[in-house]
Amino acid sequence: MVKHSTLTANSQLTIGPVSPLLFGGFLEHMGRSIYEGLYDPDSPHADERGLRTDVLAAWSDLQMTNVRYPGGNFVSGYHGKTA
């Protein structure tokens, strides 16, 4: 027996506010995303913590409300432990 479904979207119907916390992102250790990307103490753009200020400025322009680290595929094998 084949069942069919129908979905109707009504952009005029408001159920409730959408939390801005939904619009975030993540960082993972893919390529040079972290090392030589966001964190590169040898870069002329690095601040006192080794974070690249040019990357932080570009990141700020994205206006993400939160950033998860580790994120993406990296987190699937990550086993964080507290001391």
PDB file of N, CA and C in Angstrom:
ATOM      1  N   MET A   1       0.840  -1.178   0.000  1.00  0.00           N
ATOM      2  CA  MET A   1       0.000   0.000   0.000  1.00  0.00           C
ATOM      3  C   MET A   1       0.891   1.249   0.000  1.00  0.00           C
ATOM      4  N   VAL A   2       0.698   2.144  -0.925  1.00  0.00           N
ATOM      5  CA  VAL A   2       1.481   3.376  -1.043  1.00  0.00           C
ATOM      6  C   VAL A   2       0.753   4.497  -0.313  1.00  0.00           C
ATOM      7  N   LYS A   3       1.472   5.163   0.567  1.00  0.00           N
ATOM      8  CA  LYS A   3       0.893   6.295   1.289  1.00  0.00           C
ATOM      9  C   LYS A   3       1.496   7.575   0.753  1.00  0.00           C
ATOM     10  N   HIS A   4       0.709   8.603   0.672  1.00  0.00           N
ATOM     11  CA  HIS A   4       1.174   9.899   0.190  1.00  0.00           C
ATOM     12  C   HIS A   4       0.982  10.929   1.298  1.00  0.00           C
ATOM     13  N   SER A   5       1.878  11.876   1.338  1.00  0.00           N
ATOM     14  CA  SER A   5       1.793  12.958   2.314  1.00  0.00           C
ATOM     15  C   SER A   5       1.812  14.281   1.599  1.00  0.00           C
ATOM     16  N   THR A   6       1.237  15.266   2.231  1.00  0.00           N
ATOM     17  CA  THR A   6       1.221  16.613   1.688  1.00  0.00           C
ATOM     18  C   THR A   6       1.723  17.573   2.762  1.00  0.00           C
ATOM     19  N   LEU A   7       2.577  18.484   2.368  1.00  0.00           N
ATOM     20  CA  LEU A   7       3.089  19.509   3.268  1.00  0.00           C
ATOM     21  C   LEU A   7       2.767  20.858   2.666  1.00  0.00           C
ATOM     22  N   THR A   8       2.128  21.705   3.453  1.00  0.00           N
ATOM     23  CA  THR A   8       1.793  23.051   2.995  1.00  0.00           C
ATOM     24  C   THR A   8       2.503  24.044   3.902  1.00  0.00           C
ATOM     25  N   ALA A   9       3.310  24.914   3.317  1.00  0.00           N
ATOM     26  CA  ALA A   9       4.027  25.944   4.075  1.00  0.00           C
ATOM     27  C   ALA A   9       3.304  27.267   3.910  1.00  0.00           C
ATOM     28  N   ASN A  10       3.034  27.921   5.035  1.00  0.00           N
ATOM     29  CA  ASN A  10       2.363  29.211   5.017  1.00  0.00           C
ATOM     30  C   ASN A  10       3.274  30.220   5.685  1.00  0.00           C
ATOM     31  N   SER A  11       3.904  31.060   4.884  1.00  0.00           N
ATOM     32  CA  SER A  11       4.861  32.032   5.431  1.00  0.00           C
ATOM     33  C   SER A  11       4.170  33.130   6.237  1.00  0.00           C
ATOM     34  N   GLN A  12       2.855  33.235   6.146  1.00  0.00           N
ATOM     35  CA  GLN A  12       2.125  34.261   6.884  1.00  0.00           C
ATOM     36  C   GLN A  12       1.725  33.794   8.286  1.00  0.00           C
ATOM     37  N   LEU A  13       1.832  32.492   8.542  1.00  0.00           N
ATOM     38  CA  LEU A  13       1.460  31.930   9.834  1.00  0.00           C
ATOM     39  C   LEU A  13       2.680  31.925  10.748  1.00  0.00           C
ATOM     40  N   THR A  14       2.582  32.624  11.854  1.00  0.00           N
ATOM     41  CA  THR A  14       3.680  32.689  12.814  1.00  0.00           C
ATOM     42  C   THR A  14       3.325  31.849  14.027  1.00  0.00           C
ATOM     43  N   ILE A  15       4.151  30.858  14.302  1.00  0.00           N
ATOM     44  CA  ILE A  15       3.927  30.008  15.466  1.00  0.00           C
ATOM     45  C   ILE A  15       4.633  30.594  16.683  1.00  0.00           C
ATOM     46  N   GLY A  16       5.816  31.125  16.477  1.00  0.00           N
ATOM     47  CA  GLY A  16       6.574  31.714  17.566  1.00  0.00           C
ATOM     48  C   GLY A  16       7.882  32.270  17.047  1.00  0.00           C
ATOM     49  N   PRO A  17       8.605  32.961  17.886  1.00  0.00           N
ATOM     50  CA  PRO A  17       9.878  33.534  17.452  1.00  0.00           C
ATOM     51  C   PRO A  17      10.924  32.446  17.223  1.00  0.00           C
ATOM     52  N   VAL A  18      11.853  32.723  16.334  1.00  0.00           N
ATOM     53  CA  VAL A  18      12.964  31.822  16.059  1.00  0.00           C
ATOM     54  C   VAL A  18      14.167  32.339  16.840  1.00  0.00           C
ATOM     55  N   SER A  19      14.735  31.481  17.662  1.00  0.00           N
ATOM     56  CA  SER A  19      15.877  31.884  18.480  1.00  0.00           C
ATOM     57  C   SER A  19      17.088  32.172  17.596  1.00  0.00           C
ATOM     58  N   PRO A  20      17.770  33.291  17.834  1.00  0.00           N
ATOM     59  CA  PRO A  20      18.990  33.582  17.068  1.00  0.00           C
ATOM     60  C   PRO A  20      20.108  32.583  17.365  1.00  0.00           C
ATOM     61  N   LEU A  21      19.971  31.799  18.423  1.00  0.00           N
ATOM     62  CA  LEU A  21      20.978  30.797  18.748  1.00  0.00           C
ATOM     63  C   LEU A  21      21.004  29.655  17.738  1.00  0.00           C
ATOM     64  N   LEU A  22      19.993  29.583  16.880  1.00  0.00           N
ATOM     65  CA  LEU A  22      19.980  28.562  15.837  1.00  0.00           C
ATOM     66  C   LEU A  22      20.981  28.863  14.735  1.00  0.00           C
ATOM     67  N   PHE A  23      21.390  30.101  14.624  1.00  0.00           N
ATOM     68  CA  PHE A  23      22.253  30.512  13.521  1.00  0.00           C
ATOM     69  C   PHE A  23      23.711  30.556  13.956  1.00  0.00           C
ATOM     70  N   GLY A  24      24.257  29.408  14.238  1.00  0.00           N
ATOM     71  CA  GLY A  24      25.638  29.299  14.680  1.00  0.00           C
ATOM     72  C   GLY A  24      26.452  28.496  13.691  1.00  0.00           C
ATOM     73  N   GLY A  25      27.604  28.090  14.117  1.00  0.00           N
ATOM     74  CA  GLY A  25      28.492  27.317  13.260  1.00  0.00           C
ATOM     75  C   GLY A  25      29.391  26.443  14.104  1.00  0.00           C
ATOM     76  N   PHE A  26      30.382  25.857  13.473  1.00  0.00           N
ATOM     77  CA  PHE A  26      31.301  24.995  14.193  1.00  0.00           C
ATOM     78  C   PHE A  26      32.690  25.097  13.597  1.00  0.00           C
ATOM     79  N   LEU A  27      33.661  24.687  14.372  1.00  0.00           N
ATOM     80  CA  LEU A  27      35.052  24.600  13.937  1.00  0.00           C
ATOM     81  C   LEU A  27      35.484  23.153  14.026  1.00  0.00           C
ATOM     82  N   GLU A  28      36.244  22.701  13.075  1.00  0.00           N
ATOM     83  CA  GLU A  28      36.789  21.351  13.146  1.00  0.00           C
ATOM     84  C   GLU A  28      38.201  21.352  12.587  1.00  0.00           C
ATOM     85  N   HIS A  29      38.906  20.276  12.849  1.00  0.00           N
ATOM     86  CA  HIS A  29      40.293  20.135  12.409  1.00  0.00           C
ATOM     87  C   HIS A  29      40.349  19.569  10.998  1.00  0.00           C
ATOM     88  N   MET A  30      39.810  20.282  10.056  1.00  0.00           N
ATOM     89  CA  MET A  30      39.844  19.844   8.666  1.00  0.00           C
ATOM     90  C   MET A  30      40.765  20.786   7.903  1.00  0.00           C
ATOM     91  N   GLY A  31      41.733  20.234   7.239  1.00  0.00           N
ATOM     92  CA  GLY A  31      42.670  21.081   6.502  1.00  0.00           C
ATOM     93  C   GLY A  31      43.403  22.015   7.451  1.00  0.00           C
ATOM     94  N   ARG A  32      43.377  23.293   7.141  1.00  0.00           N
ATOM     95  CA  ARG A  32      44.053  24.292   7.973  1.00  0.00           C
ATOM     96  C   ARG A  32      43.048  25.179   8.687  1.00  0.00           C
ATOM     97  N   SER A  33      41.874  24.666   8.959  1.00  0.00           N
ATOM     98  CA  SER A  33      40.832  25.458   9.597  1.00  0.00           C
ATOM     99  C   SER A  33      41.263  25.999  10.957  1.00  0.00           C
ATOM    100  N   ILE A  34      41.887  25.151  11.767  1.00  0.00           N
ATOM    101  CA  ILE A  34      42.327  25.579  13.093  1.00  0.00           C
ATOM    102  C   ILE A  34      43.785  26.015  13.037  1.00  0.00           C
ATOM    103  N   TYR A  35      44.686  25.047  12.833  1.00  0.00           N
ATOM    104  CA  TYR A  35      46.107  25.357  12.804  1.00  0.00           C
ATOM    105  C   TYR A  35      46.467  25.963  11.457  1.00  0.00           C
ATOM    106  N   GLU A  36      47.086  27.124  11.486  1.00  0.00           N
ATOM    107  CA  GLU A  36      47.433  27.966  10.341  1.00  0.00           C
ATOM    108  C   GLU A  36      46.211  28.683   9.782  1.00  0.00           C
ATOM    109  N   GLY A  37      45.049  28.457  10.358  1.00  0.00           N
ATOM    110  CA  GLY A  37      43.831  29.166   9.969  1.00  0.00           C
ATOM    111  C   GLY A  37      43.473  30.138  11.071  1.00  0.00           C
ATOM    112  N   LEU A  38      42.688  29.677  12.018  1.00  0.00           N
ATOM    113  CA  LEU A  38      42.310  30.506  13.162  1.00  0.00           C
ATOM    114  C   LEU A  38      43.476  30.685  14.131  1.00  0.00           C
ATOM    115  N   TYR A  39      44.215  29.598  14.367  1.00  0.00           N
ATOM    116  CA  TYR A  39      45.330  29.648  15.326  1.00  0.00           C
ATOM    117  C   TYR A  39      46.648  29.516  14.581  1.00  0.00           C
ATOM    118  N   ASP A  40      47.429  30.571  14.606  1.00  0.00           N
ATOM    119  CA  ASP A  40      48.744  30.556  13.958  1.00  0.00           C
ATOM    120  C   ASP A  40      49.623  31.594  14.650  1.00  0.00           C
ATOM    121  N   PRO A  41      50.276  31.203  15.742  1.00  0.00           N
ATOM    122  CA  PRO A  41      51.072  32.169  16.498  1.00  0.00           C
ATOM    123  C   PRO A  41      52.237  32.769  15.713  1.00  0.00           C
ATOM    124  N   ASP A  42      52.644  32.130  14.614  1.00  0.00           N
ATOM    125  CA  ASP A  42      53.737  32.659  13.802  1.00  0.00           C
ATOM    126  C   ASP A  42      53.271  33.651  12.738  1.00  0.00           C
ATOM    127  N   SER A  43      51.972  33.828  12.606  1.00  0.00           N
ATOM    128  CA  SER A  43      51.443  34.753  11.600  1.00  0.00           C
ATOM    129  C   SER A  43      51.667  36.198  12.043  1.00  0.00           C
ATOM    130  N   PRO A  44      51.943  37.091  11.085  1.00  0.00           N
ATOM    131  CA  PRO A  44      52.059  38.508  11.451  1.00  0.00           C
ATOM    132  C   PRO A  44      50.721  39.088  11.913  1.00  0.00           C
ATOM    133  N   HIS A  45      49.632  38.369  11.673  1.00  0.00           N
ATOM    134  CA  HIS A  45      48.298  38.830  12.076  1.00  0.00           C
ATOM    135  C   HIS A  45      47.888  38.289  13.448  1.00  0.00           C
ATOM    136  N   ALA A  46      48.754  37.493  14.084  1.00  0.00           N
ATOM    137  CA  ALA A  46      48.399  36.843  15.350  1.00  0.00           C
ATOM    138  C   ALA A  46      48.394  37.832  16.505  1.00  0.00           C
ATOM    139  N   ASP A  47      47.415  37.634  17.399  1.00  0.00           N
ATOM    140  CA  ASP A  47      47.399  38.426  18.630  1.00  0.00           C
ATOM    141  C   ASP A  47      48.237  37.718  19.695  1.00  0.00           C
ATOM    142  N   GLU A  48      48.170  38.202  20.934  1.00  0.00           N
ATOM    143  CA  GLU A  48      48.996  37.635  22.004  1.00  0.00           C
ATOM    144  C   GLU A  48      48.630  36.189  22.352  1.00  0.00           C
ATOM    145  N   ARG A  49      47.434  35.733  21.945  1.00  0.00           N
ATOM    146  CA  ARG A  49      47.026  34.342  22.203  1.00  0.00           C
ATOM    147  C   ARG A  49      47.313  33.423  21.017  1.00  0.00           C
ATOM    148  N   GLY A  50      47.829  33.979  19.919  1.00  0.00           N
ATOM    149  CA  GLY A  50      48.120  33.181  18.733  1.00  0.00           C
ATOM    150  C   GLY A  50      46.960  33.101  17.763  1.00  0.00           C
ATOM    151  N   LEU A  51      45.869  33.821  18.060  1.00  0.00           N
ATOM    152  CA  LEU A  51      44.705  33.824  17.170  1.00  0.00           C
ATOM    153  C   LEU A  51      44.883  34.898  16.105  1.00  0.00           C
ATOM    154  N   ARG A  52      44.551  34.557  14.883  1.00  0.00           N
ATOM    155  CA  ARG A  52      44.711  35.511  13.781  1.00  0.00           C
ATOM    156  C   ARG A  52      43.588  36.538  13.805  1.00  0.00           C
ATOM    157  N   THR A  53      43.968  37.792  13.929  1.00  0.00           N
ATOM    158  CA  THR A  53      42.979  38.862  14.028  1.00  0.00           C
ATOM    159  C   THR A  53      42.228  39.062  12.713  1.00  0.00           C
ATOM    160  N   ASP A  54      42.868  38.776  11.568  1.00  0.00           N
ATOM    161  CA  ASP A  54      42.172  38.914  10.291  1.00  0.00           C
ATOM    162  C   ASP A  54      41.073  37.861  10.155  1.00  0.00           C
ATOM    163  N   VAL A  55      41.332  36.644  10.640  1.00  0.00           N
ATOM    164  CA  VAL A  55      40.319  35.588  10.597  1.00  0.00           C
ATOM    165  C   VAL A  55      39.198  35.918  11.574  1.00  0.00           C
ATOM    166  N   LEU A  56      39.541  36.405  12.771  1.00  0.00           N
ATOM    167  CA  LEU A  56      38.525  36.779  13.740  1.00  0.00           C
ATOM    168  C   LEU A  56      37.629  37.895  13.212  1.00  0.00           C
ATOM    169  N   ALA A  57      38.216  38.854  12.492  1.00  0.00           N
ATOM    170  CA  ALA A  57      37.429  39.946  11.919  1.00  0.00           C
ATOM    171  C   ALA A  57      36.460  39.422  10.853  1.00  0.00           C
ATOM    172  N   ALA A  58      36.938  38.528   9.997  1.00  0.00           N
ATOM    173  CA  ALA A  58      36.066  37.950   8.966  1.00  0.00           C
ATOM    174  C   ALA A  58      34.971  37.111   9.612  1.00  0.00           C
ATOM    175  N   TRP A  59      35.330  36.396  10.655  1.00  0.00           N
ATOM    176  CA  TRP A  59      34.389  35.570  11.388  1.00  0.00           C
ATOM    177  C   TRP A  59      33.308  36.430  12.041  1.00  0.00           C
ATOM    178  N   SER A  60      33.706  37.568  12.561  1.00  0.00           N
ATOM    179  CA  SER A  60      32.763  38.495  13.185  1.00  0.00           C
ATOM    180  C   SER A  60      31.719  38.981  12.177  1.00  0.00           C
ATOM    181  N   ASP A  61      32.134  39.176  10.939  1.00  0.00           N
ATOM    182  CA  ASP A  61      31.214  39.625   9.896  1.00  0.00           C
ATOM    183  C   ASP A  61      30.089  38.614   9.641  1.00  0.00           C
ATOM    184  N   LEU A  62      30.324  37.342   9.970  1.00  0.00           N
ATOM    185  CA  LEU A  62      29.305  36.308   9.768  1.00  0.00           C
ATOM    186  C   LEU A  62      28.174  36.409  10.787  1.00  0.00           C
ATOM    187  N   GLN A  63      28.412  37.117  11.881  1.00  0.00           N
ATOM    188  CA  GLN A  63      27.421  37.342  12.938  1.00  0.00           C
ATOM    189  C   GLN A  63      26.817  36.044  13.475  1.00  0.00           C
ATOM    190  N   MET A  64      27.665  35.025  13.659  1.00  0.00           N
ATOM    191  CA  MET A  64      27.186  33.786  14.267  1.00  0.00           C
ATOM    192  C   MET A  64      26.925  34.024  15.747  1.00  0.00           C
ATOM    193  N   THR A  65      25.830  33.477  16.238  1.00  0.00           N
ATOM    194  CA  THR A  65      25.481  33.669  17.647  1.00  0.00           C
ATOM    195  C   THR A  65      26.199  32.690  18.553  1.00  0.00           C
ATOM    196  N   ASN A  66      26.712  31.601  18.004  1.00  0.00           N
ATOM    197  CA  ASN A  66      27.470  30.640  18.793  1.00  0.00           C
ATOM    198  C   ASN A  66      28.356  29.833  17.862  1.00  0.00           C
ATOM    199  N   VAL A  67      29.417  29.303  18.426  1.00  0.00           N
ATOM    200  CA  VAL A  67      30.346  28.481  17.665  1.00  0.00           C
ATOM    201  C   VAL A  67      30.663  27.249  18.500  1.00  0.00           C
ATOM    202  N   ARG A  68      30.470  26.084  17.902  1.00  0.00           N
ATOM    203  CA  ARG A  68      30.744  24.838  18.606  1.00  0.00           C
ATOM    204  C   ARG A  68      32.125  24.330  18.205  1.00  0.00           C
ATOM    205  N   TYR A  69      32.914  24.002  19.204  1.00  0.00           N
ATOM    206  CA  TYR A  69      34.221  23.410  18.960  1.00  0.00           C
ATOM    207  C   TYR A  69      34.440  22.300  19.977  1.00  0.00           C
ATOM    208  N   PRO A  70      34.855  21.118  19.648  1.00  0.00           N
ATOM    209  CA  PRO A  70      35.036  20.700  18.260  1.00  0.00           C
ATOM    210  C   PRO A  70      33.681  20.472  17.609  1.00  0.00           C
ATOM    211  N   GLY A  71      33.667  20.555  16.322  1.00  0.00           N
ATOM    212  CA  GLY A  71      32.406  20.381  15.616  1.00  0.00           C
ATOM    213  C   GLY A  71      32.595  19.555  14.373  1.00  0.00           C
ATOM    214  N   GLY A  72      31.518  19.394  13.633  1.00  0.00           N
ATOM    215  CA  GLY A  72      31.581  18.653  12.392  1.00  0.00           C
ATOM    216  C   GLY A  72      31.957  17.203  12.597  1.00  0.00           C
ATOM    217  N   ASN A  73      32.652  16.635  11.637  1.00  0.00           N
ATOM    218  CA  ASN A  73      33.025  15.231  11.683  1.00  0.00           C
ATOM    219  C   ASN A  73      34.043  14.941  12.787  1.00  0.00           C
ATOM    220  N   PHE A  74      34.840  15.914  13.138  1.00  0.00           N
ATOM    221  CA  PHE A  74      35.862  15.725  14.182  1.00  0.00           C
ATOM    222  C   PHE A  74      35.234  15.285  15.495  1.00  0.00           C
ATOM    223  N   VAL A  75      34.072  15.832  15.819  1.00  0.00           N
ATOM    224  CA  VAL A  75      33.439  15.542  17.101  1.00  0.00           C
ATOM    225  C   VAL A  75      32.968  14.091  17.188  1.00  0.00           C
ATOM    226  N   SER A  76      32.759  13.427  16.059  1.00  0.00           N
ATOM    227  CA  SER A  76      32.287  12.042  16.095  1.00  0.00           C
ATOM    228  C   SER A  76      33.324  11.100  16.729  1.00  0.00           C
ATOM    229  N   GLY A  77      34.592  11.452  16.657  1.00  0.00           N
ATOM    230  CA  GLY A  77      35.632  10.624  17.256  1.00  0.00           C
ATOM    231  C   GLY A  77      36.284  11.265  18.457  1.00  0.00           C
ATOM    232  N   TYR A  78      35.725  12.366  18.944  1.00  0.00           N
ATOM    233  CA  TYR A  78      36.315  13.116  20.038  1.00  0.00           C
ATOM    234  C   TYR A  78      35.834  12.575  21.380  1.00  0.00           C
ATOM    235  N   HIS A  79      36.763  12.293  22.272  1.00  0.00           N
ATOM    236  CA  HIS A  79      36.411  11.810  23.604  1.00  0.00           C
ATOM    237  C   HIS A  79      37.025  12.752  24.632  1.00  0.00           C
ATOM    238  N   GLY A  80      36.324  13.824  24.903  1.00  0.00           N
ATOM    239  CA  GLY A  80      36.820  14.806  25.869  1.00  0.00           C
ATOM    240  C   GLY A  80      36.695  14.274  27.284  1.00  0.00           C
ATOM    241  N   LYS A  81      37.673  14.575  28.097  1.00  0.00           N
ATOM    242  CA  LYS A  81      37.671  14.138  29.484  1.00  0.00           C
ATOM    243  C   LYS A  81      38.004  15.334  30.363  1.00  0.00           C
ATOM    244  N   THR A  82      37.357  15.396  31.488  1.00  0.00           N
ATOM    245  CA  THR A  82      37.672  16.465  32.428  1.00  0.00           C
ATOM    246  C   THR A  82      38.677  15.951  33.442  1.00  0.00           C
ATOM    247  N   ALA A  83      39.451  16.853  33.966  1.00  0.00           N
ATOM    248  CA  ALA A  83      40.494  16.466  34.944  1.00  0.00           C
ATOM    249  C   ALA A  83      39.909  16.187  36.296  1.00  0.00           C
TER     250      ALA A  83
END
